[in-house]
C-alpha atoms as a PDB file:
ATOM      1  CA  MET A   1     126.037  48.784 111.004  1.00  0.00           C
ATOM      2  CA  LYS A   2     123.457  49.405 113.793  1.00  0.00           C
ATOM      3  CA  CYS A   3     125.498  52.289 115.204  1.00  0.00           C
ATOM      4  CA  PHE A   4     125.714  53.935 111.712  1.00  0.00           C
ATOM      5  CA  ALA A   5     121.942  53.646 111.316  1.00  0.00           C
ATOM      6  CA  VAL A   6     121.388  55.266 114.652  1.00  0.00           C
ATOM      7  CA  THR A   7     123.849  58.023 113.814  1.00  0.00           C
ATOM      8  CA  ILE A   8     122.103  58.675 110.445  1.00  0.00           C
ATOM      9  CA  VAL A   9     118.700  58.923 112.408  1.00  0.00           C
ATOM     10  CA  LEU A  10     120.183  61.407 114.734  1.00  0.00           C
ATOM     11  CA  CYS A  11     121.465  63.573 112.076  1.00  0.00           C
ATOM     12  CA  LEU A  12     118.117  63.638 110.173  1.00  0.00           C
ATOM     13  CA  LEU A  13     116.220  64.385 113.482  1.00  0.00           C
ATOM     14  CA  SER A  14     118.583  67.246 114.123  1.00  0.00           C
ATOM     15  CA  VAL A  15     118.112  68.722 110.636  1.00  0.00           C
ATOM     16  CA  VAL A  16     114.202  68.363 111.098  1.00  0.00           C
ATOM     17  CA  TRP A  17     114.466  69.960 114.590  1.00  0.00           C
ATOM     18  CA  VAL A  18     116.587  72.960 113.264  1.00  0.00           C
ATOM     19  CA  THR A  19     114.330  73.603 110.217  1.00  0.00           C
ATOM     20  CA  GLY A  20     111.133  73.026 112.209  1.00  0.00           C
ATOM     21  CA  ASN A  21     112.106  75.527 114.973  1.00  0.00           C
ATOM     22  CA  GLN A  22     112.625  78.474 112.606  1.00  0.00           C
ATOM     23  CA  ALA A  23     110.168  81.127 113.447  1.00  0.00           C
ATOM     24  CA  GLN A  24     107.365  81.391 110.944  1.00  0.00           C
ATOM     25  CA  ALA A  25     105.919  84.845 110.919  1.00  0.00           C
ATOM     26  CA  SER A  26     102.354  85.264 109.844  1.00  0.00           C
ATOM     27  CA  PRO A  27     100.696  88.475 108.915  1.00  0.00           C
ATOM     28  CA  ILE A  28      98.823  90.441 111.713  1.00  0.00           C
ATOM     29  CA  ARG A  29      96.137  92.887 110.863  1.00  0.00           C
ATOM     30  CA  PHE A  30      95.683  95.985 113.221  1.00  0.00           C
ATOM     31  CA  ASP A  31      92.035  97.245 112.804  1.00  0.00           C
ATOM     32  CA  LEU A  32      92.431 100.847 113.723  1.00  0.00           C
ATOM     33  CA  PHE A  33      88.896 101.609 114.549  1.00  0.00           C
ATOM     34  CA  ASN A  34      86.678 100.722 117.441  1.00  0.00           C
ATOM     35  CA  ASP A  35      82.920 101.138 117.824  1.00  0.00           C
ATOM     36  CA  SER A  36      83.151 101.273 121.576  1.00  0.00           C
ATOM     37  CA  HIS A  37      85.437 104.417 121.309  1.00  0.00           C
ATOM     38  CA  PHE A  38      83.463 105.835 118.347  1.00  0.00           C
ATOM     39  CA  ASN A  39      84.385 109.538 117.830  1.00  0.00           C
ATOM     40  CA  SER A  40      86.755 110.012 120.714  1.00  0.00           C
ATOM     41  CA  SER A  41      90.110 111.704 121.004  1.00  0.00           C
ATOM     42  CA  HIS A  42      93.190 110.483 123.012  1.00  0.00           C
ATOM     43  CA  ASP A  43      96.834 111.729 123.733  1.00  0.00           C
ATOM     44  CA  SER A  44      97.819 108.365 122.272  1.00  0.00           C
ATOM     45  CA  LEU A  45      96.279 104.917 121.629  1.00  0.00           C
ATOM     46  CA  GLU A  46      97.594 101.480 121.966  1.00  0.00           C
ATOM     47  CA  PHE A  47      96.604  98.387 120.044  1.00  0.00           C
ATOM     48  CA  ASN A  48      97.858  94.783 120.687  1.00  0.00           C
ATOM     49  CA  ARG A  49      97.597  91.665 118.448  1.00  0.00           C
ATOM     50  CA  SER A  50      99.409  88.288 118.670  1.00  0.00           C
ATOM     51  CA  GLY A  51     102.151  89.760 120.965  1.00  0.00           C
ATOM     52  CA  ILE A  52     102.890  92.858 119.017  1.00  0.00           C
ATOM     53  CA  GLY A  53     101.923  96.222 120.318  1.00  0.00           C
ATOM     54  CA  VAL A  54     101.750  99.581 118.587  1.00  0.00           C
ATOM     55  CA  ARG A  55     101.215 103.071 120.104  1.00  0.00           C
ATOM     56  CA  VAL A  56      99.883 105.823 118.016  1.00  0.00           C
ATOM     57  CA  PHE A  57     100.776 109.520 118.371  1.00  0.00           C
ATOM     58  CA  ALA A  58      99.533 112.644 116.559  1.00  0.00           C
ATOM     59  CA  PHE A  59     101.428 115.819 115.622  1.00  0.00           C
ATOM     60  CA  ASP A  60     100.918 118.998 113.923  1.00  0.00           C
ATOM     61  CA  GLU A  61     103.115 122.058 113.291  1.00  0.00           C
ATOM     62  CA  ASP A  62     102.581 123.259 116.940  1.00  0.00           C
ATOM     63  CA  GLY A  63     103.568 119.914 118.412  1.00  0.00           C
ATOM     64  CA  ARG A  64     101.771 116.923 119.873  1.00  0.00           C
ATOM     65  CA  GLN A  65      97.938 116.602 119.320  1.00  0.00           C
ATOM     66  CA  SER A  66      95.216 114.219 119.903  1.00  0.00           C
ATOM     67  CA  VAL A  67      94.505 110.947 117.996  1.00  0.00           C
ATOM     68  CA  THR A  68      90.967 110.699 116.878  1.00  0.00           C
ATOM     69  CA  ILE A  69      89.429 107.217 116.629  1.00  0.00           C
ATOM     70  CA  ARG A  70      86.312 106.891 114.674  1.00  0.00           C
ATOM     71  CA  LYS A  71      84.289 104.005 113.132  1.00  0.00           C
ATOM     72  CA  THR A  72      86.245 104.845 109.869  1.00  0.00           C
ATOM     73  CA  GLY A  73      89.710 104.921 111.264  1.00  0.00           C
ATOM     74  CA  LEU A  74      92.302 107.076 112.880  1.00  0.00           C
ATOM     75  CA  GLY A  75      92.685 110.815 112.451  1.00  0.00           C
ATOM     76  CA  VAL A  76      94.078 113.952 114.173  1.00  0.00           C
ATOM     77  CA  THR A  77      92.368 116.469 116.311  1.00  0.00           C
ATOM     78  CA  SER A  78      94.284 119.840 116.053  1.00  0.00           C
ATOM     79  CA  SER A  79      93.240 123.090 117.703  1.00  0.00           C
ATOM     80  CA  GLY A  80      90.879 124.994 115.419  1.00  0.00           C
ATOM     81  CA  ASP A  81      90.382 121.984 113.170  1.00  0.00           C
ATOM     82  CA  SER A  82      87.060 120.073 113.480  1.00  0.00           C
ATOM     83  CA  ASN A  83      87.190 117.538 110.684  1.00  0.00           C
ATOM     84  CA  LYS A  84      89.287 114.988 112.754  1.00  0.00           C
ATOM     85  CA  VAL A  85      91.037 113.575 109.669  1.00  0.00           C
ATOM     86  CA  LEU A  86      94.891 113.617 108.768  1.00  0.00           C
ATOM     87  CA  ASP A  87      94.846 116.703 106.743  1.00  0.00           C
ATOM     88  CA  GLY A  88      96.819 119.739 105.647  1.00  0.00           C
ATOM     89  CA  SER A  89      94.159 122.292 105.981  1.00  0.00           C
ATOM     90  CA  GLY A  90      95.293 124.756 108.557  1.00  0.00           C
ATOM     91  CA  ARG A  91      98.146 122.898 110.291  1.00  0.00           C
ATOM     92  CA  THR A  92     100.030 120.086 108.631  1.00  0.00           C
ATOM     93  CA  GLU A  93      99.256 116.917 110.689  1.00  0.00           C
ATOM     94  CA  SER A  94     100.852 113.577 110.947  1.00  0.00           C
ATOM     95  CA  LEU A  95     100.213 110.224 112.682  1.00  0.00           C
ATOM     96  CA  HIS A  96     103.076 108.129 114.067  1.00  0.00           C
ATOM     97  CA  PHE A  97     103.025 104.482 114.875  1.00  0.00           C
ATOM     98  CA  LEU A  98     105.514 103.070 117.333  1.00  0.00           C
ATOM     99  CA  PHE A  99     105.643  99.287 117.319  1.00  0.00           C
ATOM    100  CA  THR A 100     107.211  97.173 120.337  1.00  0.00           C
ATOM    101  CA  ASP A 101     109.237  95.165 117.836  1.00  0.00           C
ATOM    102  CA  ALA A 102     110.547  95.618 114.246  1.00  0.00           C
ATOM    103  CA  VAL A 103     107.841  94.574 111.789  1.00  0.00           C
ATOM    104  CA  TRP A 104     107.497  94.472 107.944  1.00  0.00           C
ATOM    105  CA  LEU A 105     104.651  96.969 107.106  1.00  0.00           C
ATOM    106  CA  ARG A 106     102.912  95.130 104.232  1.00  0.00           C
ATOM    107  CA  GLU A 107      99.736  96.987 103.698  1.00  0.00           C
ATOM    108  CA  VAL A 108      97.846 100.185 104.922  1.00  0.00           C
ATOM    109  CA  VAL A 109      94.208 100.632 104.308  1.00  0.00           C
ATOM    110  CA  PHE A 110      93.098 104.265 104.020  1.00  0.00           C
ATOM    111  CA  GLU A 111      89.484 105.864 104.338  1.00  0.00           C
ATOM    112  CA  SER A 112      88.185 108.785 102.576  1.00  0.00           C
ATOM    113  CA  VAL A 113      90.397 108.576  99.630  1.00  0.00           C
ATOM    114  CA  ASP A 114      89.798 111.242  96.922  1.00  0.00           C
ATOM    115  CA  ASP A 115      92.942 112.119  94.901  1.00  0.00           C
ATOM    116  CA  ASP A 116      95.005 112.369  98.066  1.00  0.00           C
ATOM    117  CA  GLY A 117      98.603 111.835  98.710  1.00  0.00           C
ATOM    118  CA  PHE A 118     100.725 111.081 101.800  1.00  0.00           C
ATOM    119  CA  THR A 119     104.232 111.164 103.131  1.00  0.00           C
ATOM    120  CA  LEU A 120     105.858 108.212 104.865  1.00  0.00           C
ATOM    121  CA  SER A 121     108.912 108.024 107.097  1.00  0.00           C
ATOM    122  CA  VAL A 122     110.320 104.876 108.484  1.00  0.00           C
ATOM    123  CA  ASP A 123     112.282 104.829 111.878  1.00  0.00           C
ATOM    124  CA  GLY A 124     112.454 108.681 111.809  1.00  0.00           C
ATOM    125  CA  VAL A 125     114.864 108.634 108.903  1.00  0.00           C
ATOM    126  CA  GLY A 126     113.839 110.753 105.966  1.00  0.00           C
ATOM    127  CA  ASP A 127     110.734 110.659 103.870  1.00  0.00           C
ATOM    128  CA  TYR A 128     109.785 108.318 101.143  1.00  0.00           C
ATOM    129  CA  GLY A 129     108.484 111.324  99.391  1.00  0.00           C
ATOM    130  CA  MET A 130     105.029 112.071  98.214  1.00  0.00           C
ATOM    131  CA  LEU A 131     102.996 108.982  97.502  1.00  0.00           C
ATOM    132  CA  ASN A 132      99.629 108.846  95.989  1.00  0.00           C
ATOM    133  CA  LEU A 133      96.917 107.014  97.689  1.00  0.00           C
ATOM    134  CA  PRO A 134      95.521 104.218  95.498  1.00  0.00           C
ATOM    135  CA  THR A 135      91.982 104.657  94.404  1.00  0.00           C
ATOM    136  CA  ASP A 136      90.893 101.517  96.365  1.00  0.00           C
ATOM    137  CA  GLY A 137      92.506 102.987  99.556  1.00  0.00           C
ATOM    138  CA  ILE A 138      94.841  99.992  99.884  1.00  0.00           C
ATOM    139  CA  ALA A 139      98.617 100.687  99.696  1.00  0.00           C
ATOM    140  CA  ASP A 140     100.845  97.539  99.340  1.00  0.00           C
ATOM    141  CA  LEU A 141     104.162  98.181 100.976  1.00  0.00           C
ATOM    142  CA  GLU A 142     107.460  96.293 101.922  1.00  0.00           C
ATOM    143  CA  LEU A 143     109.060  98.396 104.545  1.00  0.00           C
ATOM    144  CA  LEU A 144     111.013  97.179 107.671  1.00  0.00           C
ATOM    145  CA  GLY A 145     111.019  99.219 110.840  1.00  0.00           C
ATOM    146  CA  SER A 146     109.421  99.864 114.242  1.00  0.00           C
ATOM    147  CA  ARG A 147     108.292 103.440 113.688  1.00  0.00           C
ATOM    148  CA  PHE A 148     106.228 104.732 110.698  1.00  0.00           C
ATOM    149  CA  GLY A 149     105.018 108.285 110.305  1.00  0.00           C
ATOM    150  CA  PHE A 150     102.304 109.322 107.930  1.00  0.00           C
ATOM    151  CA  GLY A 151     101.723 112.881 106.783  1.00  0.00           C
ATOM    152  CA  VAL A 152      99.971 114.881 104.079  1.00  0.00           C
ATOM    153  CA  THR A 153     101.482 116.335 100.767  1.00  0.00           C
ATOM    154  CA  LYS A 154      99.234 119.364 100.312  1.00  0.00           C
ATOM    155  CA  LYS A 155      96.347 121.277 101.843  1.00  0.00           C
ATOM    156  CA  GLY A 156      93.722 119.278  99.999  1.00  0.00           C
ATOM    157  CA  ASP A 157      94.811 115.980 101.354  1.00  0.00           C
ATOM    158  CA  ASP A 158      92.550 114.418 104.015  1.00  0.00           C
ATOM    159  CA  TYR A 159      92.292 110.741 104.974  1.00  0.00           C
ATOM    160  CA  ARG A 160      92.061 108.227 107.913  1.00  0.00           C
ATOM    161  CA  ILE A 161      94.128 105.205 108.430  1.00  0.00           C
ATOM    162  CA  LYS A 162      91.755 102.215 108.868  1.00  0.00           C
ATOM    163  CA  SER A 163      93.998  99.251 109.249  1.00  0.00           C
ATOM    164  CA  MET A 164      97.620  97.977 108.935  1.00  0.00           C
ATOM    165  CA  LEU A 165      98.866  94.586 107.967  1.00  0.00           C
ATOM    166  CA  VAL A 166     102.325  93.770 109.551  1.00  0.00           C
ATOM    167  CA  GLU A 167     104.624  90.888 110.001  1.00  0.00           C
ATOM    168  CA  LEU A 168     107.023  90.349 112.829  1.00  0.00           C
ATOM    169  CA  ALA A 169     110.576  90.605 111.668  1.00  0.00           C
ATOM    170  CA  ALA A 170     111.872  87.332 113.027  1.00  0.00           C
ATOM    171  CA  VAL A 171     115.432  86.995 113.908  1.00  0.00           C
ATOM    172  CA  PRO A 172     116.509  83.311 113.875  1.00  0.00           C
ATOM    173  CA  THR A 173     118.399  82.300 116.969  1.00  0.00           C
ATOM    174  CA  PRO A 174     119.910  78.877 117.158  1.00  0.00           C
ATOM    175  CA  GLU A 175     119.106  76.820 120.200  1.00  0.00           C
ATOM    176  CA  PRO A 176     121.871  75.105 122.051  1.00  0.00           C
ATOM    177  CA  ALA A 177     120.049  71.780 122.295  1.00  0.00           C
ATOM    178  CA  THR A 178     119.567  71.751 118.504  1.00  0.00           C
ATOM    179  CA  TRP A 179     123.150  72.293 117.897  1.00  0.00           C
ATOM    180  CA  LEU A 180     124.218  69.766 120.410  1.00  0.00           C
ATOM    181  CA  LEU A 181     121.989  67.108 118.759  1.00  0.00           C
ATOM    182  CA  LEU A 182     123.452  67.975 115.408  1.00  0.00           C
ATOM    183  CA  GLY A 183     126.923  67.913 116.752  1.00  0.00           C
ATOM    184  CA  SER A 184     126.432  64.601 118.352  1.00  0.00           C
ATOM    185  CA  GLY A 185     125.104  63.030 115.106  1.00  0.00           C
ATOM    186  CA  LEU A 186     128.121  64.412 113.223  1.00  0.00           C
ATOM    187  CA  ALA A 187     130.468  63.117 115.813  1.00  0.00           C
ATOM    188  CA  GLY A 188     128.915  59.658 115.608  1.00  0.00           C
ATOM    189  CA  VAL A 189     129.313  59.606 111.809  1.00  0.00           C
ATOM    190  CA  TRP A 190     132.999  60.563 112.306  1.00  0.00           C
ATOM    191  CA  PHE A 191     133.538  57.999 114.947  1.00  0.00           C
ATOM    192  CA  TYR A 192     131.904  55.241 112.931  1.00  0.00           C
ATOM    193  CA  ARG A 193     133.852  56.185 109.790  1.00  0.00           C
ATOM    194  CA  ARG A 194     137.030  56.121 111.879  1.00  0.00           C
ATOM    195  CA  ARG A 195     136.338  52.658 113.221  1.00  0.00           C
ATOM    196  CA  ALA A 196     135.605  51.223 109.820  1.00  0.00           C
END
Protein backbone atom coordinates (compact mmCIF):
# COMPACT_ATOMS: atom_id res chain seq x y z
CA MET A 1 0.00 0.00 0.00
CA LYS A 2 2.88 2.35 0.82
CA CYS A 3 4.39 1.79 -2.66
CA PHE A 4 1.05 2.59 -4.28
CA ALA A 5 0.74 5.89 -2.35
CA VAL A 6 4.27 6.90 -3.36
CA THR A 7 3.47 6.08 -6.99
CA ILE A 8 0.29 8.16 -6.93
CA VAL A 9 2.19 11.08 -5.39
CA LEU A 10 4.87 10.81 -8.11
CA CYS A 11 2.19 10.82 -10.82
CA LEU A 12 0.51 13.89 -9.34
CA LEU A 13 3.84 15.69 -9.02
CA SER A 14 4.69 14.97 -12.64
CA VAL A 15 1.31 16.32 -13.82
CA VAL A 16 1.80 19.48 -11.73
CA TRP A 17 5.35 19.81 -13.10
CA VAL A 18 4.22 19.44 -16.72
CA THR A 19 1.37 21.95 -16.43
CA GLY A 20 3.42 24.37 -14.32
CA ASN A 21 6.24 24.52 -16.88
CA GLN A 22 4.09 25.54 -19.83
CA ALA A 23 5.20 28.98 -21.04
CA GLN A 24 2.77 31.67 -20.02
CA ALA A 25 3.05 34.55 -22.48
CA SER A 26 2.14 37.96 -21.16
CA PRO A 27 1.49 40.99 -23.37
CA ILE A 28 4.44 43.30 -24.00
CA ARG A 29 3.95 46.94 -24.98
CA PHE A 30 6.44 48.58 -27.30
CA ASP A 31 6.24 52.36 -26.87
CA LEU A 32 7.47 53.65 -30.21
CA PHE A 33 8.41 57.14 -29.15
CA ASN A 34 11.32 58.44 -27.19
CA ASP A 35 11.84 61.89 -25.72
CA SER A 36 15.62 61.56 -25.92
CA HIS A 37 15.43 61.07 -29.73
CA PHE A 38 12.72 63.67 -30.19
CA ASN A 39 12.32 64.61 -33.84
CA SER A 40 15.21 62.59 -35.27
CA SER A 41 15.52 60.33 -38.33
CA HIS A 42 17.37 57.02 -38.63
CA ASP A 43 18.02 54.32 -41.25
CA SER A 44 16.34 51.90 -38.86
CA LEU A 45 15.37 51.80 -35.20
CA GLU A 46 15.55 48.95 -32.69
CA PHE A 47 13.42 48.44 -29.60
CA ASN A 48 13.83 45.65 -27.02
CA ARG A 49 11.38 44.62 -24.31
CA SER A 50 11.34 41.48 -22.17
CA GLY A 51 13.62 39.49 -24.47
CA ILE A 52 11.78 40.41 -27.69
CA GLY A 53 13.38 42.75 -30.17
CA VAL A 54 11.92 44.64 -33.11
CA ARG A 55 13.69 46.55 -35.88
CA VAL A 56 11.76 49.19 -37.80
CA PHE A 57 12.44 50.15 -41.45
CA ALA A 58 10.81 52.76 -43.69
CA PHE A 59 10.16 52.57 -47.43
CA ASP A 60 8.52 54.59 -50.17
CA GLU A 61 8.13 54.07 -53.93
CA ASP A 62 11.82 54.93 -54.45
CA GLY A 63 13.07 52.36 -51.92
CA ARG A 64 14.39 52.54 -48.38
CA GLN A 65 13.90 55.81 -46.47
CA SER A 66 14.46 57.08 -42.91
CA VAL A 67 12.36 56.23 -39.88
CA THR A 68 11.41 59.37 -37.97
CA ILE A 69 10.88 59.12 -34.23
CA ARG A 70 8.97 61.88 -32.49
CA LYS A 71 7.27 62.36 -29.18
CA THR A 72 4.04 61.30 -30.89
CA GLY A 73 5.33 58.11 -32.56
CA LEU A 74 7.06 56.76 -35.65
CA GLY A 75 6.75 58.20 -39.15
CA VAL A 76 8.69 58.26 -42.42
CA THR A 77 11.06 60.87 -43.82
CA SER A 78 11.07 60.75 -47.62
CA SER A 79 12.97 63.08 -49.89
CA GLY A 80 10.82 66.12 -50.65
CA ASP A 81 8.38 65.30 -47.83
CA SER A 82 8.71 67.45 -44.72
CA ASN A 83 5.77 66.28 -42.58
CA LYS A 84 7.53 63.16 -41.19
CA VAL A 85 4.38 61.04 -40.88
CA LEU A 86 3.36 57.86 -42.66
CA ASP A 87 1.42 59.30 -45.57
CA GLY A 88 0.47 59.06 -49.22
CA SER A 89 1.17 62.65 -50.25
CA GLY A 90 3.91 62.61 -52.83
CA ARG A 91 5.33 59.10 -52.47
CA THR A 92 3.37 56.26 -50.89
CA GLU A 93 5.21 55.37 -47.67
CA SER A 94 5.28 52.31 -45.40
CA LEU A 95 6.77 51.22 -42.07
CA HIS A 96 7.95 47.64 -41.56
CA PHE A 97 8.42 45.95 -38.18
CA LEU A 98 10.71 42.91 -38.04
CA PHE A 99 10.49 41.01 -34.72
CA THR A 100 13.19 38.63 -33.49
CA ASP A 101 10.54 35.97 -32.74
CA ALA A 102 7.05 35.16 -33.93
CA VAL A 103 4.53 37.25 -31.99
CA TRP A 104 0.80 37.80 -31.77
CA LEU A 105 0.09 41.41 -32.71
CA ARG A 106 -2.74 42.33 -30.34
CA GLU A 107 -2.99 46.12 -30.58
CA VAL A 108 -1.60 49.11 -32.47
CA VAL A 109 -2.01 52.68 -31.25
CA PHE A 110 -2.00 55.35 -33.97
CA GLU A 111 -1.43 59.09 -33.58
CA SER A 112 -2.98 61.89 -35.70
CA VAL A 113 -6.02 59.87 -36.69
CA ASP A 114 -8.45 61.85 -38.84
CA ASP A 115 -10.53 59.69 -41.18
CA ASP A 116 -7.39 57.79 -42.19
CA GLY A 117 -6.92 54.28 -43.44
CA PHE A 118 -4.03 51.87 -43.55
CA THR A 119 -2.88 48.70 -45.24
CA LEU A 120 -1.35 45.84 -43.33
CA SER A 121 0.80 42.93 -44.45
CA VAL A 122 2.00 40.02 -42.31
CA ASP A 123 5.24 38.14 -43.03
CA GLY A 124 5.39 39.75 -46.47
CA VAL A 125 2.35 37.81 -47.64
CA GLY A 126 -0.33 39.91 -49.26
CA ASP A 127 -2.31 42.73 -47.84
CA TYR A 128 -5.16 42.58 -45.39
CA GLY A 129 -6.69 45.25 -47.56
CA MET A 130 -7.68 48.76 -46.67
CA LEU A 131 -8.58 49.14 -43.02
CA ASN A 132 -10.03 52.26 -41.44
CA LEU A 133 -8.31 53.62 -38.38
CA PRO A 134 -10.58 53.65 -35.34
CA THR A 135 -11.54 57.13 -34.14
CA ASP A 136 -9.81 56.50 -30.80
CA GLY A 137 -6.62 55.52 -32.66
CA ILE A 138 -6.49 52.00 -31.17
CA ALA A 139 -6.74 49.01 -33.50
CA ASP A 140 -7.37 45.64 -31.81
CA LEU A 141 -5.83 42.84 -33.89
CA GLU A 142 -5.21 39.09 -33.62
CA LEU A 143 -2.40 38.45 -36.11
CA LEU A 144 0.50 35.99 -35.84
CA GLY A 145 3.81 36.72 -37.54
CA SER A 146 7.30 38.14 -37.26
CA ARG A 147 7.07 40.88 -39.94
CA PHE A 148 4.32 43.48 -40.08
CA GLY A 149 4.09 46.21 -42.73
CA PHE A 150 1.88 49.31 -42.44
CA GLY A 151 1.05 51.51 -45.42
CA VAL A 152 -1.51 54.07 -46.53
CA THR A 153 -4.67 53.68 -48.60
CA LYS A 154 -4.95 57.11 -50.23
CA LYS A 155 -3.15 60.44 -50.58
CA GLY A 156 -4.99 62.05 -47.65
CA ASP A 157 -3.89 59.45 -45.10
CA ASP A 158 -1.28 60.59 -42.60
CA TYR A 159 -0.54 59.05 -39.22
CA ARG A 160 2.19 57.87 -36.86
CA ILE A 161 2.44 54.57 -35.03
CA LYS A 162 2.74 55.26 -31.31
CA SER A 163 2.80 51.81 -29.70
CA MET A 164 2.23 48.09 -30.26
CA LEU A 165 1.05 45.39 -27.90
CA VAL A 166 2.45 41.96 -28.75
CA GLU A 167 2.57 38.53 -27.15
CA LEU A 168 5.30 35.99 -27.74
CA ALA A 169 3.99 33.03 -29.74
CA ALA A 170 5.10 30.31 -27.30
CA VAL A 171 5.90 26.88 -28.64
CA PRO A 172 5.50 24.29 -25.87
CA THR A 173 8.49 21.98 -25.67
CA PRO A 174 8.38 18.94 -23.39
CA GLU A 175 11.30 18.63 -21.01
CA PRO A 176 13.00 15.21 -20.76
CA ALA A 177 13.04 15.30 -16.94
CA THR A 178 9.29 15.94 -16.86
CA TRP A 179 8.52 13.01 -19.11
CA LEU A 180 10.94 10.80 -17.15
CA LEU A 181 9.12 11.66 -13.92
CA LEU A 182 5.71 11.01 -15.48
CA GLY A 183 6.94 7.74 -17.03
CA SER A 184 8.41 6.49 -13.76
CA GLY A 185 5.13 7.22 -11.97
CA LEU A 186 3.14 5.30 -14.59
CA ALA A 187 5.65 2.44 -14.50
CA GLY A 188 5.26 2.33 -10.71
CA VAL A 189 1.47 2.09 -11.06
CA TRP A 190 1.84 -0.68 -13.62
CA PHE A 191 4.36 -2.56 -11.43
CA TYR A 192 2.15 -2.25 -8.34
CA ARG A 193 -0.96 -3.46 -10.23
CA ARG A 194 0.98 -6.41 -11.60
CA ARG A 195 2.17 -7.46 -8.12
CA ALA A 196 -1.34 -7.30 -6.68
